[in-house]
Amino acid sequence: MTYELSILVLNAILCLTFPWVYNYAYAKQRGVGGKRLMGNRDNLPERSGLAARGLRAHQNHLENLLPFAIIVLTAHVAGISNTATITCAVVFLLCRLAHATFYIAGISRLPGINGVRSIVYFICVISMLVYAAQLYIY
């Protein structure tokens, strides 16, 4: 398995961990509880705090995982794997981890850096675009 495919699998595993985080937080939310979550989930209160941020982080990851997977799988089928594709895949994974951490923890600012979560997101998008460019260079 190539490094890029391994990183794609790691991103899929990251995607699978999100519900564990936000559903645990949601079960602890007032008026919810674990038993109600195991039911049909009718008339549950709206998610808030960590449960809401975790769900949004999960949705954001899914929105970015699909184009990344298409790029990685297309490059794999075309036999394209080089330093640039590996670097872009690593950057994508690290950015997704950072983005998820910042989103779930509610961090939007670091000392001296406003919009840190958005910055990490755009680095992630740029890494996908550079990766995709490799499909047309080779």
C-alpha atoms as a PDB file:
ATOM      1  CA  MET A   1       0.000   0.000   0.000  1.00  0.00           C
ATOM      2  CA  THR A   2       1.351   3.453  -0.866  1.00  0.00           C
ATOM      3  CA  TYR A   3       1.845   6.163   1.744  1.00  0.00           C
ATOM      4  CA  GLU A   4      -0.976   8.132   0.179  1.00  0.00           C
ATOM      5  CA  LEU A   5      -3.440   5.240   0.485  1.00  0.00           C
ATOM      6  CA  SER A   6      -2.335   4.664   4.079  1.00  0.00           C
ATOM      7  CA  ILE A   7      -3.018   8.319   4.847  1.00  0.00           C
ATOM      8  CA  LEU A   8      -6.417   8.041   3.163  1.00  0.00           C
ATOM      9  CA  VAL A   9      -7.231   5.098   5.456  1.00  0.00           C
ATOM     10  CA  LEU A  10      -6.057   7.110   8.492  1.00  0.00           C
ATOM     11  CA  ASN A  11      -8.388   9.922   7.436  1.00  0.00           C
ATOM     12  CA  ALA A  12     -11.241   7.433   7.179  1.00  0.00           C
ATOM     13  CA  ILE A  13     -10.445   6.185  10.690  1.00  0.00           C
ATOM     14  CA  LEU A  14     -10.390   9.786  11.936  1.00  0.00           C
ATOM     15  CA  CYS A  15     -13.804  10.231  10.339  1.00  0.00           C
ATOM     16  CA  LEU A  16     -15.108   7.196  12.226  1.00  0.00           C
ATOM     17  CA  THR A  17     -13.936   8.603  15.577  1.00  0.00           C
ATOM     18  CA  PHE A  18     -15.944  11.835  15.413  1.00  0.00           C
ATOM     19  CA  PRO A  19     -19.309  10.300  16.402  1.00  0.00           C
ATOM     20  CA  TRP A  20     -17.723   8.759  19.492  1.00  0.00           C
ATOM     21  CA  VAL A  21     -16.652  12.214  20.644  1.00  0.00           C
ATOM     22  CA  TYR A  22     -19.762  14.238  19.897  1.00  0.00           C
ATOM     23  CA  ASN A  23     -22.297  11.548  20.829  1.00  0.00           C
ATOM     24  CA  TYR A  24     -20.566  11.031  24.179  1.00  0.00           C
ATOM     25  CA  ALA A  25     -20.805  14.780  24.784  1.00  0.00           C
ATOM     26  CA  TYR A  26     -24.413  14.775  23.587  1.00  0.00           C
ATOM     27  CA  ALA A  27     -25.329  11.928  25.952  1.00  0.00           C
ATOM     28  CA  LYS A  28     -23.997  14.062  28.825  1.00  0.00           C
ATOM     29  CA  GLN A  29     -26.055  17.048  27.681  1.00  0.00           C
ATOM     30  CA  ARG A  30     -29.034  17.981  29.847  1.00  0.00           C
ATOM     31  CA  GLY A  31     -32.247  16.250  28.757  1.00  0.00           C
ATOM     32  CA  VAL A  32     -30.557  13.649  26.551  1.00  0.00           C
ATOM     33  CA  GLY A  33     -28.844  10.719  28.272  1.00  0.00           C
ATOM     34  CA  GLY A  34     -27.502   7.529  26.812  1.00  0.00           C
ATOM     35  CA  LYS A  35     -30.814   5.646  26.934  1.00  0.00           C
ATOM     36  CA  ARG A  36     -32.575   8.263  24.823  1.00  0.00           C
ATOM     37  CA  LEU A  37     -29.733   8.162  22.296  1.00  0.00           C
ATOM     38  CA  MET A  38     -30.195   4.408  21.924  1.00  0.00           C
ATOM     39  CA  GLY A  39     -33.856   4.910  21.091  1.00  0.00           C
ATOM     40  CA  ASN A  40     -35.401   6.382  17.967  1.00  0.00           C
ATOM     41  CA  ARG A  41     -34.104   9.858  18.894  1.00  0.00           C
ATOM     42  CA  ASP A  42     -37.460  11.611  18.499  1.00  0.00           C
ATOM     43  CA  ASN A  43     -37.894  14.908  20.335  1.00  0.00           C
ATOM     44  CA  LEU A  44     -34.310  15.230  21.524  1.00  0.00           C
ATOM     45  CA  PRO A  45     -32.997  18.687  22.383  1.00  0.00           C
ATOM     46  CA  GLU A  46     -30.702  20.438  19.938  1.00  0.00           C
ATOM     47  CA  ARG A  47     -27.001  19.719  20.327  1.00  0.00           C
ATOM     48  CA  SER A  48     -24.943  22.384  22.028  1.00  0.00           C
ATOM     49  CA  GLY A  49     -21.342  22.996  23.008  1.00  0.00           C
ATOM     50  CA  LEU A  50     -18.950  20.122  22.336  1.00  0.00           C
ATOM     51  CA  ALA A  51     -21.734  17.958  20.868  1.00  0.00           C
ATOM     52  CA  ALA A  52     -22.614  20.603  18.270  1.00  0.00           C
ATOM     53  CA  ARG A  53     -19.004  21.511  17.462  1.00  0.00           C
ATOM     54  CA  GLY A  54     -18.097  17.823  17.116  1.00  0.00           C
ATOM     55  CA  LEU A  55     -20.952  17.226  14.689  1.00  0.00           C
ATOM     56  CA  ARG A  56     -19.931  20.260  12.601  1.00  0.00           C
ATOM     57  CA  ALA A  57     -16.276  19.119  12.629  1.00  0.00           C
ATOM     58  CA  HIS A  58     -17.406  15.683  11.440  1.00  0.00           C
ATOM     59  CA  GLN A  59     -19.485  17.174   8.626  1.00  0.00           C
ATOM     60  CA  ASN A  60     -16.565  19.383   7.608  1.00  0.00           C
ATOM     61  CA  HIS A  61     -14.238  16.389   7.562  1.00  0.00           C
ATOM     62  CA  LEU A  62     -16.667  14.430   5.379  1.00  0.00           C
ATOM     63  CA  GLU A  63     -16.904  17.364   2.956  1.00  0.00           C
ATOM     64  CA  ASN A  64     -13.110  17.381   2.607  1.00  0.00           C
ATOM     65  CA  LEU A  65     -12.564  13.626   2.706  1.00  0.00           C
ATOM     66  CA  LEU A  66     -14.519  12.980  -0.484  1.00  0.00           C
ATOM     67  CA  PRO A  67     -12.424  15.202  -2.808  1.00  0.00           C
ATOM     68  CA  PHE A  68      -9.229  14.022  -1.104  1.00  0.00           C
ATOM     69  CA  ALA A  69     -10.232  10.392  -1.645  1.00  0.00           C
ATOM     70  CA  ILE A  70     -11.040  11.051  -5.313  1.00  0.00           C
ATOM     71  CA  ILE A  71      -7.651  12.699  -5.831  1.00  0.00           C
ATOM     72  CA  VAL A  72      -5.717   9.961  -3.991  1.00  0.00           C
ATOM     73  CA  LEU A  73      -7.522   7.109  -5.738  1.00  0.00           C
ATOM     74  CA  THR A  74      -7.200   8.731  -9.175  1.00  0.00           C
ATOM     75  CA  ALA A  75      -3.466   9.240  -8.628  1.00  0.00           C
ATOM     76  CA  HIS A  76      -3.130   5.643  -7.458  1.00  0.00           C
ATOM     77  CA  VAL A  77      -4.893   4.248 -10.522  1.00  0.00           C
ATOM     78  CA  ALA A  78      -2.723   6.484 -12.739  1.00  0.00           C
ATOM     79  CA  GLY A  79       0.401   5.237 -10.945  1.00  0.00           C
ATOM     80  CA  ILE A  80       1.337   8.694  -9.675  1.00  0.00           C
ATOM     81  CA  SER A  81       3.166   8.721  -6.360  1.00  0.00           C
ATOM     82  CA  ASN A  82       6.027  11.092  -5.681  1.00  0.00           C
ATOM     83  CA  THR A  83       7.457  13.361  -3.026  1.00  0.00           C
ATOM     84  CA  ALA A  84       4.836  16.014  -3.753  1.00  0.00           C
ATOM     85  CA  THR A  85       1.872  13.633  -3.436  1.00  0.00           C
ATOM     86  CA  ILE A  86       3.225  12.118  -0.237  1.00  0.00           C
ATOM     87  CA  THR A  87       3.919  15.567   1.241  1.00  0.00           C
ATOM     88  CA  CYS A  88       0.444  16.800   0.284  1.00  0.00           C
ATOM     89  CA  ALA A  89      -1.178  13.718   1.832  1.00  0.00           C
ATOM     90  CA  VAL A  90       0.778  14.188   5.083  1.00  0.00           C
ATOM     91  CA  VAL A  91      -0.083  17.902   5.176  1.00  0.00           C
ATOM     92  CA  PHE A  92      -3.747  17.048   4.553  1.00  0.00           C
ATOM     93  CA  LEU A  93      -3.807  14.562   7.451  1.00  0.00           C
ATOM     94  CA  LEU A  94      -2.012  16.906   9.859  1.00  0.00           C
ATOM     95  CA  CYS A  95      -4.289  19.788   8.902  1.00  0.00           C
ATOM     96  CA  ARG A  96      -7.398  17.659   9.347  1.00  0.00           C
ATOM     97  CA  LEU A  97      -6.190  16.589  12.801  1.00  0.00           C
ATOM     98  CA  ALA A  98      -5.461  20.205  13.741  1.00  0.00           C
ATOM     99  CA  HIS A  99      -8.759  21.421  12.294  1.00  0.00           C
ATOM    100  CA  ALA A 100     -10.721  18.782  14.206  1.00  0.00           C
ATOM    101  CA  THR A 101      -8.885  19.586  17.425  1.00  0.00           C
ATOM    102  CA  PHE A 102      -9.441  23.327  17.078  1.00  0.00           C
ATOM    103  CA  TYR A 103     -13.083  22.883  16.050  1.00  0.00           C
ATOM    104  CA  ILE A 104     -14.039  20.439  18.806  1.00  0.00           C
ATOM    105  CA  ALA A 105     -12.162  22.391  21.479  1.00  0.00           C
ATOM    106  CA  GLY A 106     -13.757  25.648  20.293  1.00  0.00           C
ATOM    107  CA  ILE A 107     -10.388  27.256  19.526  1.00  0.00           C
ATOM    108  CA  SER A 108     -10.580  29.900  16.823  1.00  0.00           C
ATOM    109  CA  ARG A 109      -7.646  31.999  17.950  1.00  0.00           C
ATOM    110  CA  LEU A 110      -4.124  31.340  19.138  1.00  0.00           C
ATOM    111  CA  PRO A 111      -1.933  34.073  20.630  1.00  0.00           C
ATOM    112  CA  GLY A 112      -1.226  36.426  17.758  1.00  0.00           C
ATOM    113  CA  ILE A 113      -3.153  34.344  15.185  1.00  0.00           C
ATOM    114  CA  ASN A 114      -6.817  35.073  14.527  1.00  0.00           C
ATOM    115  CA  GLY A 115      -8.843  32.530  12.563  1.00  0.00           C
ATOM    116  CA  VAL A 116      -6.407  29.679  13.143  1.00  0.00           C
ATOM    117  CA  ARG A 117      -8.999  27.044  12.259  1.00  0.00           C
ATOM    118  CA  SER A 118      -9.716  28.760   8.939  1.00  0.00           C
ATOM    119  CA  ILE A 119      -6.008  29.050   8.203  1.00  0.00           C
ATOM    120  CA  VAL A 120      -5.548  25.325   8.791  1.00  0.00           C
ATOM    121  CA  TYR A 121      -8.558  24.630   6.562  1.00  0.00           C
ATOM    122  CA  PHE A 122      -7.109  26.661   3.688  1.00  0.00           C
ATOM    123  CA  ILE A 123      -3.736  24.912   4.024  1.00  0.00           C
ATOM    124  CA  CYS A 124      -5.656  21.654   3.718  1.00  0.00           C
ATOM    125  CA  VAL A 125      -7.427  22.849   0.559  1.00  0.00           C
ATOM    126  CA  ILE A 126      -4.146  24.053  -0.937  1.00  0.00           C
ATOM    127  CA  SER A 127      -2.562  20.658  -0.244  1.00  0.00           C
ATOM    128  CA  MET A 128      -5.406  18.982  -2.159  1.00  0.00           C
ATOM    129  CA  LEU A 129      -5.002  21.377  -5.090  1.00  0.00           C
ATOM    130  CA  VAL A 130      -1.247  20.794  -5.258  1.00  0.00           C
ATOM    131  CA  TYR A 131      -1.872  17.047  -5.074  1.00  0.00           C
ATOM    132  CA  ALA A 132      -4.453  17.277  -7.871  1.00  0.00           C
ATOM    133  CA  ALA A 133      -2.005  19.276  -9.980  1.00  0.00           C
ATOM    134  CA  GLN A 134       0.313  16.266  -9.904  1.00  0.00           C
ATOM    135  CA  LEU A 135      -2.303  14.401 -11.945  1.00  0.00           C
ATOM    136  CA  TYR A 136      -1.818  16.863 -14.805  1.00  0.00           C
ATOM    137  CA  ILE A 137       1.932  17.259 -14.536  1.00  0.00           C
ATOM    138  CA  TYR A 138       2.663  13.557 -15.022  1.00  0.00           C
END
